[in-house]
Structure formats: C-alpha cells, structure tokens
Amino acid sequence: MEVPFLGTQAWIRSLNYSIVDDWHPWHFQGQVAGYTRTYSSQLTFATVKGGGHTAPGYRPAECFAMFKRWIVQEPL
C-alpha cells in the first residue's frame, strides 16, 4: 500500500486529540461518498469510498465536492 490507512490512523492517534464526532458517512449526490471522523483542534479525517491511494484519479467528482466543502467551511 502506498498510503496506508492504518499508518495515518496511528499518526492521528499520536497527536492525542480526543474524538469529537465518531465515524459517520458523508454523501454526494444521494450516495455514501466516504466516512469522516472529527477530532479536537478542528481535525477531520475523511475517506473517499473507492478512492484508492490516488482518490482524485478514481473519484474526481467526490474529491472535488469534498474540497469545495472544505474551502467554504461546510461540513461533510
């Protein structure tokens, strides 16, 4: 794996941030597009369902929607 999910999770755990909002799905065009977990210090970890390690290449519409919501500070 190029960008291992478990390695990212371990790094986030090492920050010792508490979980504010546990795993829940985020949606795009009425479908589950991925999952998010929100931590203290305004850190949100988001996944893109079916995105692989180059999510914009596999799921460009979902990634753009996620980026657009981040830029305008809308929740996923």
PDB file of N, CA and C in Angstrom:
ATOM      1  N   MET A   1       0.846  -1.184   0.000  1.00  0.00           N
ATOM      2  CA  MET A   1       0.000   0.000   0.000  1.00  0.00           C
ATOM      3  C   MET A   1       0.887   1.241   0.000  1.00  0.00           C
ATOM      4  N   GLU A   2       0.532   2.198  -0.803  1.00  0.00           N
ATOM      5  CA  GLU A   2       1.300   3.441  -0.909  1.00  0.00           C
ATOM      6  C   GLU A   2       1.057   4.379   0.277  1.00  0.00           C
ATOM      7  N   VAL A   3      -0.186   4.617   0.592  1.00  0.00           N
ATOM      8  CA  VAL A   3      -0.543   5.495   1.711  1.00  0.00           C
ATOM      9  C   VAL A   3      -1.452   4.682   2.631  1.00  0.00           C
ATOM     10  N   PRO A   4      -0.869   3.960   3.577  1.00  0.00           N
ATOM     11  CA  PRO A   4      -1.664   3.050   4.379  1.00  0.00           C
ATOM     12  C   PRO A   4      -2.606   3.763   5.339  1.00  0.00           C
ATOM     13  N   PHE A   5      -3.841   3.304   5.312  1.00  0.00           N
ATOM     14  CA  PHE A   5      -4.879   3.820   6.191  1.00  0.00           C
ATOM     15  C   PHE A   5      -4.481   3.655   7.654  1.00  0.00           C
ATOM     16  N   LEU A   6      -3.952   2.484   7.990  1.00  0.00           N
ATOM     17  CA  LEU A   6      -3.588   2.223   9.381  1.00  0.00           C
ATOM     18  C   LEU A   6      -2.454   3.125   9.850  1.00  0.00           C
ATOM     19  N   GLY A   7      -1.511   3.439   8.964  1.00  0.00           N
ATOM     20  CA  GLY A   7      -0.430   4.351   9.321  1.00  0.00           C
ATOM     21  C   GLY A   7      -0.945   5.752   9.594  1.00  0.00           C
ATOM     22  N   THR A   8      -1.892   6.192   8.807  1.00  0.00           N
ATOM     23  CA  THR A   8      -2.495   7.512   9.018  1.00  0.00           C
ATOM     24  C   THR A   8      -3.244   7.529  10.343  1.00  0.00           C
ATOM     25  N   GLN A   9      -3.982   6.452  10.615  1.00  0.00           N
ATOM     26  CA  GLN A   9      -4.715   6.368  11.881  1.00  0.00           C
ATOM     27  C   GLN A   9      -3.750   6.392  13.070  1.00  0.00           C
ATOM     28  N   ALA A  10      -2.642   5.697  12.962  1.00  0.00           N
ATOM     29  CA  ALA A  10      -1.651   5.677  14.048  1.00  0.00           C
ATOM     30  C   ALA A  10      -1.063   7.064  14.268  1.00  0.00           C
ATOM     31  N   TRP A  11      -0.786   7.776  13.175  1.00  0.00           N
ATOM     32  CA  TRP A  11      -0.247   9.132  13.300  1.00  0.00           C
ATOM     33  C   TRP A  11      -1.248  10.049  13.995  1.00  0.00           C
ATOM     34  N   ILE A  12      -2.512   9.948  13.618  1.00  0.00           N
ATOM     35  CA  ILE A  12      -3.536  10.783  14.255  1.00  0.00           C
ATOM     36  C   ILE A  12      -3.633  10.443  15.736  1.00  0.00           C
ATOM     37  N   ARG A  13      -3.602   9.152  16.081  1.00  0.00           N
ATOM     38  CA  ARG A  13      -3.640   8.765  17.496  1.00  0.00           C
ATOM     39  C   ARG A  13      -2.467   9.360  18.265  1.00  0.00           C
ATOM     40  N   SER A  14      -1.292   9.464  17.612  1.00  0.00           N
ATOM     41  CA  SER A  14      -0.110  10.005  18.297  1.00  0.00           C
ATOM     42  C   SER A  14      -0.268  11.480  18.647  1.00  0.00           C
ATOM     43  N   LEU A  15      -1.211  12.159  18.018  1.00  0.00           N
ATOM     44  CA  LEU A  15      -1.464  13.571  18.331  1.00  0.00           C
ATOM     45  C   LEU A  15      -2.230  13.740  19.639  1.00  0.00           C
ATOM     46  N   ASN A  16      -2.822  12.652  20.110  1.00  0.00           N
ATOM     47  CA  ASN A  16      -3.590  12.649  21.358  1.00  0.00           C
ATOM     48  C   ASN A  16      -4.790  13.599  21.342  1.00  0.00           C
ATOM     49  N   TYR A  17      -5.400  13.775  20.194  1.00  0.00           N
ATOM     50  CA  TYR A  17      -6.626  14.582  20.108  1.00  0.00           C
ATOM     51  C   TYR A  17      -7.806  13.696  20.494  1.00  0.00           C
ATOM     52  N   SER A  18      -8.757  14.270  21.183  1.00  0.00           N
ATOM     53  CA  SER A  18      -9.945  13.499  21.521  1.00  0.00           C
ATOM     54  C   SER A  18     -10.912  13.494  20.338  1.00  0.00           C
ATOM     55  N   ILE A  19     -11.729  12.449  20.272  1.00  0.00           N
ATOM     56  CA  ILE A  19     -12.715  12.317  19.201  1.00  0.00           C
ATOM     57  C   ILE A  19     -13.931  13.156  19.566  1.00  0.00           C
ATOM     58  N   VAL A  20     -14.304  14.055  18.670  1.00  0.00           N
ATOM     59  CA  VAL A  20     -15.465  14.918  18.873  1.00  0.00           C
ATOM     60  C   VAL A  20     -16.702  14.301  18.228  1.00  0.00           C
ATOM     61  N   ASP A  21     -16.534  13.729  17.043  1.00  0.00           N
ATOM     62  CA  ASP A  21     -17.634  13.114  16.306  1.00  0.00           C
ATOM     63  C   ASP A  21     -17.099  11.849  15.662  1.00  0.00           C
ATOM     64  N   ASP A  22     -17.600  10.697  16.117  1.00  0.00           N
ATOM     65  CA  ASP A  22     -17.067   9.430  15.618  1.00  0.00           C
ATOM     66  C   ASP A  22     -17.528   9.161  14.185  1.00  0.00           C
ATOM     67  N   TRP A  23     -17.068   8.076  13.612  1.00  0.00           N
ATOM     68  CA  TRP A  23     -17.299   7.751  12.209  1.00  0.00           C
ATOM     69  C   TRP A  23     -18.754   7.934  11.807  1.00  0.00           C
ATOM     70  N   HIS A  24     -18.936   8.655  10.713  1.00  0.00           N
ATOM     71  CA  HIS A  24     -20.262   8.759  10.099  1.00  0.00           C
ATOM     72  C   HIS A  24     -20.069   8.997   8.604  1.00  0.00           C
ATOM     73  N   PRO A  25     -21.052   8.598   7.799  1.00  0.00           N
ATOM     74  CA  PRO A  25     -20.908   8.754   6.351  1.00  0.00           C
ATOM     75  C   PRO A  25     -21.101  10.196   5.909  1.00  0.00           C
ATOM     76  N   TRP A  26     -20.446  10.553   4.814  1.00  0.00           N
ATOM     77  CA  TRP A  26     -20.755  11.817   4.143  1.00  0.00           C
ATOM     78  C   TRP A  26     -21.274  11.445   2.761  1.00  0.00           C
ATOM     79  N   HIS A  27     -22.105  12.308   2.200  1.00  0.00           N
ATOM     80  CA  HIS A  27     -22.837  11.960   0.983  1.00  0.00           C
ATOM     81  C   HIS A  27     -22.527  12.901  -0.171  1.00  0.00           C
ATOM     82  N   PHE A  28     -22.649  12.357  -1.367  1.00  0.00           N
ATOM     83  CA  PHE A  28     -22.518  13.121  -2.601  1.00  0.00           C
ATOM     84  C   PHE A  28     -23.551  12.569  -3.569  1.00  0.00           C
ATOM     85  N   GLN A  29     -24.400  13.425  -4.062  1.00  0.00           N
ATOM     86  CA  GLN A  29     -25.468  13.055  -4.987  1.00  0.00           C
ATOM     87  C   GLN A  29     -26.303  11.889  -4.459  1.00  0.00           C
ATOM     88  N   GLY A  30     -26.636  11.968  -3.176  1.00  0.00           N
ATOM     89  CA  GLY A  30     -27.513  10.981  -2.569  1.00  0.00           C
ATOM     90  C   GLY A  30     -26.882   9.637  -2.250  1.00  0.00           C
ATOM     91  N   GLN A  31     -25.579   9.496  -2.474  1.00  0.00           N
ATOM     92  CA  GLN A  31     -24.876   8.242  -2.204  1.00  0.00           C
ATOM     93  C   GLN A  31     -23.798   8.462  -1.138  1.00  0.00           C
ATOM     94  N   VAL A  32     -23.479   7.412  -0.405  1.00  0.00           N
ATOM     95  CA  VAL A  32     -22.367   7.492   0.550  1.00  0.00           C
ATOM     96  C   VAL A  32     -21.086   7.645  -0.248  1.00  0.00           C
ATOM     97  N   ALA A  33     -20.355   8.738   0.015  1.00  0.00           N
ATOM     98  CA  ALA A  33     -19.120   9.020  -0.717  1.00  0.00           C
ATOM     99  C   ALA A  33     -17.883   8.696   0.107  1.00  0.00           C
ATOM    100  N   GLY A  34     -18.067   8.469   1.398  1.00  0.00           N
ATOM    101  CA  GLY A  34     -16.957   8.157   2.283  1.00  0.00           C
ATOM    102  C   GLY A  34     -17.393   8.318   3.721  1.00  0.00           C
ATOM    103  N   TYR A  35     -16.410   8.356   4.604  1.00  0.00           N
ATOM    104  CA  TYR A  35     -16.689   8.456   6.035  1.00  0.00           C
ATOM    105  C   TYR A  35     -15.764   9.483   6.664  1.00  0.00           C
ATOM    106  N   THR A  36     -16.232  10.100   7.745  1.00  0.00           N
ATOM    107  CA  THR A  36     -15.407  11.082   8.445  1.00  0.00           C
ATOM    108  C   THR A  36     -15.373  10.785   9.937  1.00  0.00           C
ATOM    109  N   ARG A  37     -14.305  11.252  10.541  1.00  0.00           N
ATOM    110  CA  ARG A  37     -14.171  11.240  12.000  1.00  0.00           C
ATOM    111  C   ARG A  37     -13.555  12.579  12.357  1.00  0.00           C
ATOM    112  N   THR A  38     -14.176  13.275  13.299  1.00  0.00           N
ATOM    113  CA  THR A  38     -13.710  14.607  13.687  1.00  0.00           C
ATOM    114  C   THR A  38     -13.056  14.544  15.064  1.00  0.00           C
ATOM    115  N   TYR A  39     -11.926  15.207  15.160  1.00  0.00           N
ATOM    116  CA  TYR A  39     -11.157  15.263  16.403  1.00  0.00           C
ATOM    117  C   TYR A  39     -11.136  16.695  16.925  1.00  0.00           C
ATOM    118  N   SER A  40     -10.690  16.842  18.177  1.00  0.00           N
ATOM    119  CA  SER A  40     -10.497  18.184  18.720  1.00  0.00           C
ATOM    120  C   SER A  40      -9.430  18.892  17.879  1.00  0.00           C
ATOM    121  N   SER A  41      -9.276  20.166  18.081  1.00  0.00           N
ATOM    122  CA  SER A  41      -8.354  21.001  17.305  1.00  0.00           C
ATOM    123  C   SER A  41      -8.780  21.092  15.840  1.00  0.00           C
ATOM    124  N   GLN A  42     -10.056  20.870  15.571  1.00  0.00           N
ATOM    125  CA  GLN A  42     -10.647  21.023  14.248  1.00  0.00           C
ATOM    126  C   GLN A  42      -9.979  20.157  13.182  1.00  0.00           C
ATOM    127  N   LEU A  43      -9.591  18.958  13.553  1.00  0.00           N
ATOM    128  CA  LEU A  43      -9.025  17.998  12.601  1.00  0.00           C
ATOM    129  C   LEU A  43     -10.122  17.025  12.193  1.00  0.00           C
ATOM    130  N   THR A  44     -10.352  16.897  10.909  1.00  0.00           N
ATOM    131  CA  THR A  44     -11.299  15.912  10.396  1.00  0.00           C
ATOM    132  C   THR A  44     -10.568  14.973   9.456  1.00  0.00           C
ATOM    133  N   PHE A  45     -10.706  13.683   9.727  1.00  0.00           N
ATOM    134  CA  PHE A  45     -10.150  12.665   8.852  1.00  0.00           C
ATOM    135  C   PHE A  45     -11.293  12.186   7.973  1.00  0.00           C
ATOM    136  N   ALA A  46     -11.113  12.272   6.671  1.00  0.00           N
ATOM    137  CA  ALA A  46     -12.164  11.875   5.735  1.00  0.00           C
ATOM    138  C   ALA A  46     -11.636  10.832   4.759  1.00  0.00           C
ATOM    139  N   THR A  47     -12.496   9.881   4.446  1.00  0.00           N
ATOM    140  CA  THR A  47     -12.169   8.888   3.435  1.00  0.00           C
ATOM    141  C   THR A  47     -13.053   9.116   2.218  1.00  0.00           C
ATOM    142  N   VAL A  48     -12.593   8.607   1.083  1.00  0.00           N
ATOM    143  CA  VAL A  48     -13.380   8.630  -0.151  1.00  0.00           C
ATOM    144  C   VAL A  48     -13.593   7.182  -0.549  1.00  0.00           C
ATOM    145  N   LYS A  49     -14.832   6.766  -0.529  1.00  0.00           N
ATOM    146  CA  LYS A  49     -15.171   5.372  -0.823  1.00  0.00           C
ATOM    147  C   LYS A  49     -14.738   5.012  -2.244  1.00  0.00           C
ATOM    148  N   GLY A  50     -13.914   3.976  -2.363  1.00  0.00           N
ATOM    149  CA  GLY A  50     -13.439   3.529  -3.668  1.00  0.00           C
ATOM    150  C   GLY A  50     -12.347   4.400  -4.252  1.00  0.00           C
ATOM    151  N   GLY A  51     -11.749   5.261  -3.425  1.00  0.00           N
ATOM    152  CA  GLY A  51     -10.773   6.224  -3.919  1.00  0.00           C
ATOM    153  C   GLY A  51      -9.371   5.690  -4.137  1.00  0.00           C
ATOM    154  N   GLY A  52      -9.020   4.621  -3.458  1.00  0.00           N
ATOM    155  CA  GLY A  52      -7.655   4.127  -3.596  1.00  0.00           C
ATOM    156  C   GLY A  52      -6.650   5.143  -3.071  1.00  0.00           C
ATOM    157  N   HIS A  53      -5.383   4.989  -3.432  1.00  0.00           N
ATOM    158  CA  HIS A  53      -4.366   5.910  -2.928  1.00  0.00           C
ATOM    159  C   HIS A  53      -4.246   7.165  -3.789  1.00  0.00           C
ATOM    160  N   THR A  54      -4.920   7.208  -4.912  1.00  0.00           N
ATOM    161  CA  THR A  54      -4.981   8.429  -5.725  1.00  0.00           C
ATOM    162  C   THR A  54      -6.456   8.758  -5.960  1.00  0.00           C
ATOM    163  N   ALA A  55      -7.128   9.104  -4.874  1.00  0.00           N
ATOM    164  CA  ALA A  55      -8.576   9.310  -4.905  1.00  0.00           C
ATOM    165  C   ALA A  55      -9.050  10.258  -6.006  1.00  0.00           C
ATOM    166  N   PRO A  56      -8.370  11.385  -6.268  1.00  0.00           N
ATOM    167  CA  PRO A  56      -8.857  12.268  -7.340  1.00  0.00           C
ATOM    168  C   PRO A  56      -8.867  11.609  -8.716  1.00  0.00           C
ATOM    169  N   GLY A  57      -8.011  10.634  -8.926  1.00  0.00           N
ATOM    170  CA  GLY A  57      -7.991   9.928 -10.200  1.00  0.00           C
ATOM    171  C   GLY A  57      -9.132   8.935 -10.339  1.00  0.00           C
ATOM    172  N   TYR A  58      -9.517   8.336  -9.211  1.00  0.00           N
ATOM    173  CA  TYR A  58     -10.580   7.329  -9.223  1.00  0.00           C
ATOM    174  C   TYR A  58     -11.964   7.929  -8.968  1.00  0.00           C
ATOM    175  N   ARG A  59     -12.033   8.952  -8.129  1.00  0.00           N
ATOM    176  CA  ARG A  59     -13.306   9.563  -7.743  1.00  0.00           C
ATOM    177  C   ARG A  59     -13.205  11.093  -7.811  1.00  0.00           C
ATOM    178  N   PRO A  60     -13.014  11.652  -9.000  1.00  0.00           N
ATOM    179  CA  PRO A  60     -12.804  13.101  -9.107  1.00  0.00           C
ATOM    180  C   PRO A  60     -13.986  13.942  -8.630  1.00  0.00           C
ATOM    181  N   ALA A  61     -15.200  13.535  -8.912  1.00  0.00           N
ATOM    182  CA  ALA A  61     -16.360  14.338  -8.508  1.00  0.00           C
ATOM    183  C   ALA A  61     -16.497  14.389  -6.990  1.00  0.00           C
ATOM    184  N   GLU A  62     -16.309  13.247  -6.351  1.00  0.00           N
ATOM    185  CA  GLU A  62     -16.407  13.195  -4.897  1.00  0.00           C
ATOM    186  C   GLU A  62     -15.293  14.004  -4.240  1.00  0.00           C
ATOM    187  N   CYS A  63     -14.081  13.901  -4.772  1.00  0.00           N
ATOM    188  CA  CYS A  63     -12.953  14.663  -4.214  1.00  0.00           C
ATOM    189  C   CYS A  63     -13.156  16.158  -4.388  1.00  0.00           C
ATOM    190  N   PHE A  64     -13.679  16.555  -5.538  1.00  0.00           N
ATOM    191  CA  PHE A  64     -13.941  17.981  -5.744  1.00  0.00           C
ATOM    192  C   PHE A  64     -15.016  18.464  -4.784  1.00  0.00           C
ATOM    193  N   ALA A  65     -16.057  17.661  -4.578  1.00  0.00           N
ATOM    194  CA  ALA A  65     -17.118  18.038  -3.638  1.00  0.00           C
ATOM    195  C   ALA A  65     -16.552  18.183  -2.225  1.00  0.00           C
ATOM    196  N   MET A  66     -15.687  17.246  -1.835  1.00  0.00           N
ATOM    197  CA  MET A  66     -15.069  17.307  -0.509  1.00  0.00           C
ATOM    198  C   MET A  66     -14.207  18.557  -0.382  1.00  0.00           C
ATOM    199  N   PHE A  67     -13.379  18.831  -1.384  1.00  0.00           N
ATOM    200  CA  PHE A  67     -12.519  20.013  -1.369  1.00  0.00           C
ATOM    201  C   PHE A  67     -13.344  21.302  -1.327  1.00  0.00           C
ATOM    202  N   LYS A  68     -14.377  21.353  -2.149  1.00  0.00           N
ATOM    203  CA  LYS A  68     -15.230  22.542  -2.199  1.00  0.00           C
ATOM    204  C   LYS A  68     -15.889  22.808  -0.841  1.00  0.00           C
ATOM    205  N   ARG A  69     -16.364  21.774  -0.193  1.00  0.00           N
ATOM    206  CA  ARG A  69     -16.973  21.937   1.133  1.00  0.00           C
ATOM    207  C   ARG A  69     -15.939  22.391   2.153  1.00  0.00           C
ATOM    208  N   TRP A  70     -14.715  21.909   2.036  1.00  0.00           N
ATOM    209  CA  TRP A  70     -13.644  22.310   2.964  1.00  0.00           C
ATOM    210  C   TRP A  70     -13.324  23.795   2.769  1.00  0.00           C
ATOM    211  N   ILE A  71     -13.218  24.239   1.518  1.00  0.00           N
ATOM    212  CA  ILE A  71     -12.870  25.627   1.224  1.00  0.00           C
ATOM    213  C   ILE A  71     -13.899  26.608   1.785  1.00  0.00           C
ATOM    214  N   VAL A  72     -15.174  26.268   1.660  1.00  0.00           N
ATOM    215  CA  VAL A  72     -16.225  27.169   2.150  1.00  0.00           C
ATOM    216  C   VAL A  72     -16.654  26.828   3.572  1.00  0.00           C
ATOM    217  N   GLN A  73     -15.908  25.932   4.207  1.00  0.00           N
ATOM    218  CA  GLN A  73     -16.102  25.528   5.600  1.00  0.00           C
ATOM    219  C   GLN A  73     -17.478  24.944   5.848  1.00  0.00           C
ATOM    220  N   GLU A  74     -17.955  24.103   4.936  1.00  0.00           N
ATOM    221  CA  GLU A  74     -19.181  23.348   5.127  1.00  0.00           C
ATOM    222  C   GLU A  74     -18.814  21.959   5.635  1.00  0.00           C
ATOM    223  N   PRO A  75     -19.609  21.388   6.500  1.00  0.00           N
ATOM    224  CA  PRO A  75     -19.305  20.022   6.970  1.00  0.00           C
ATOM    225  C   PRO A  75     -19.528  19.003   5.865  1.00  0.00           C
ATOM    226  N   LEU A  76     -18.839  17.889   5.982  1.00  0.00           N
ATOM    227  CA  LEU A  76     -19.056  16.791   5.034  1.00  0.00           C
ATOM    228  C   LEU A  76     -20.286  16.052   5.424  1.00  0.00           C
TER     229      LEU A  76
END
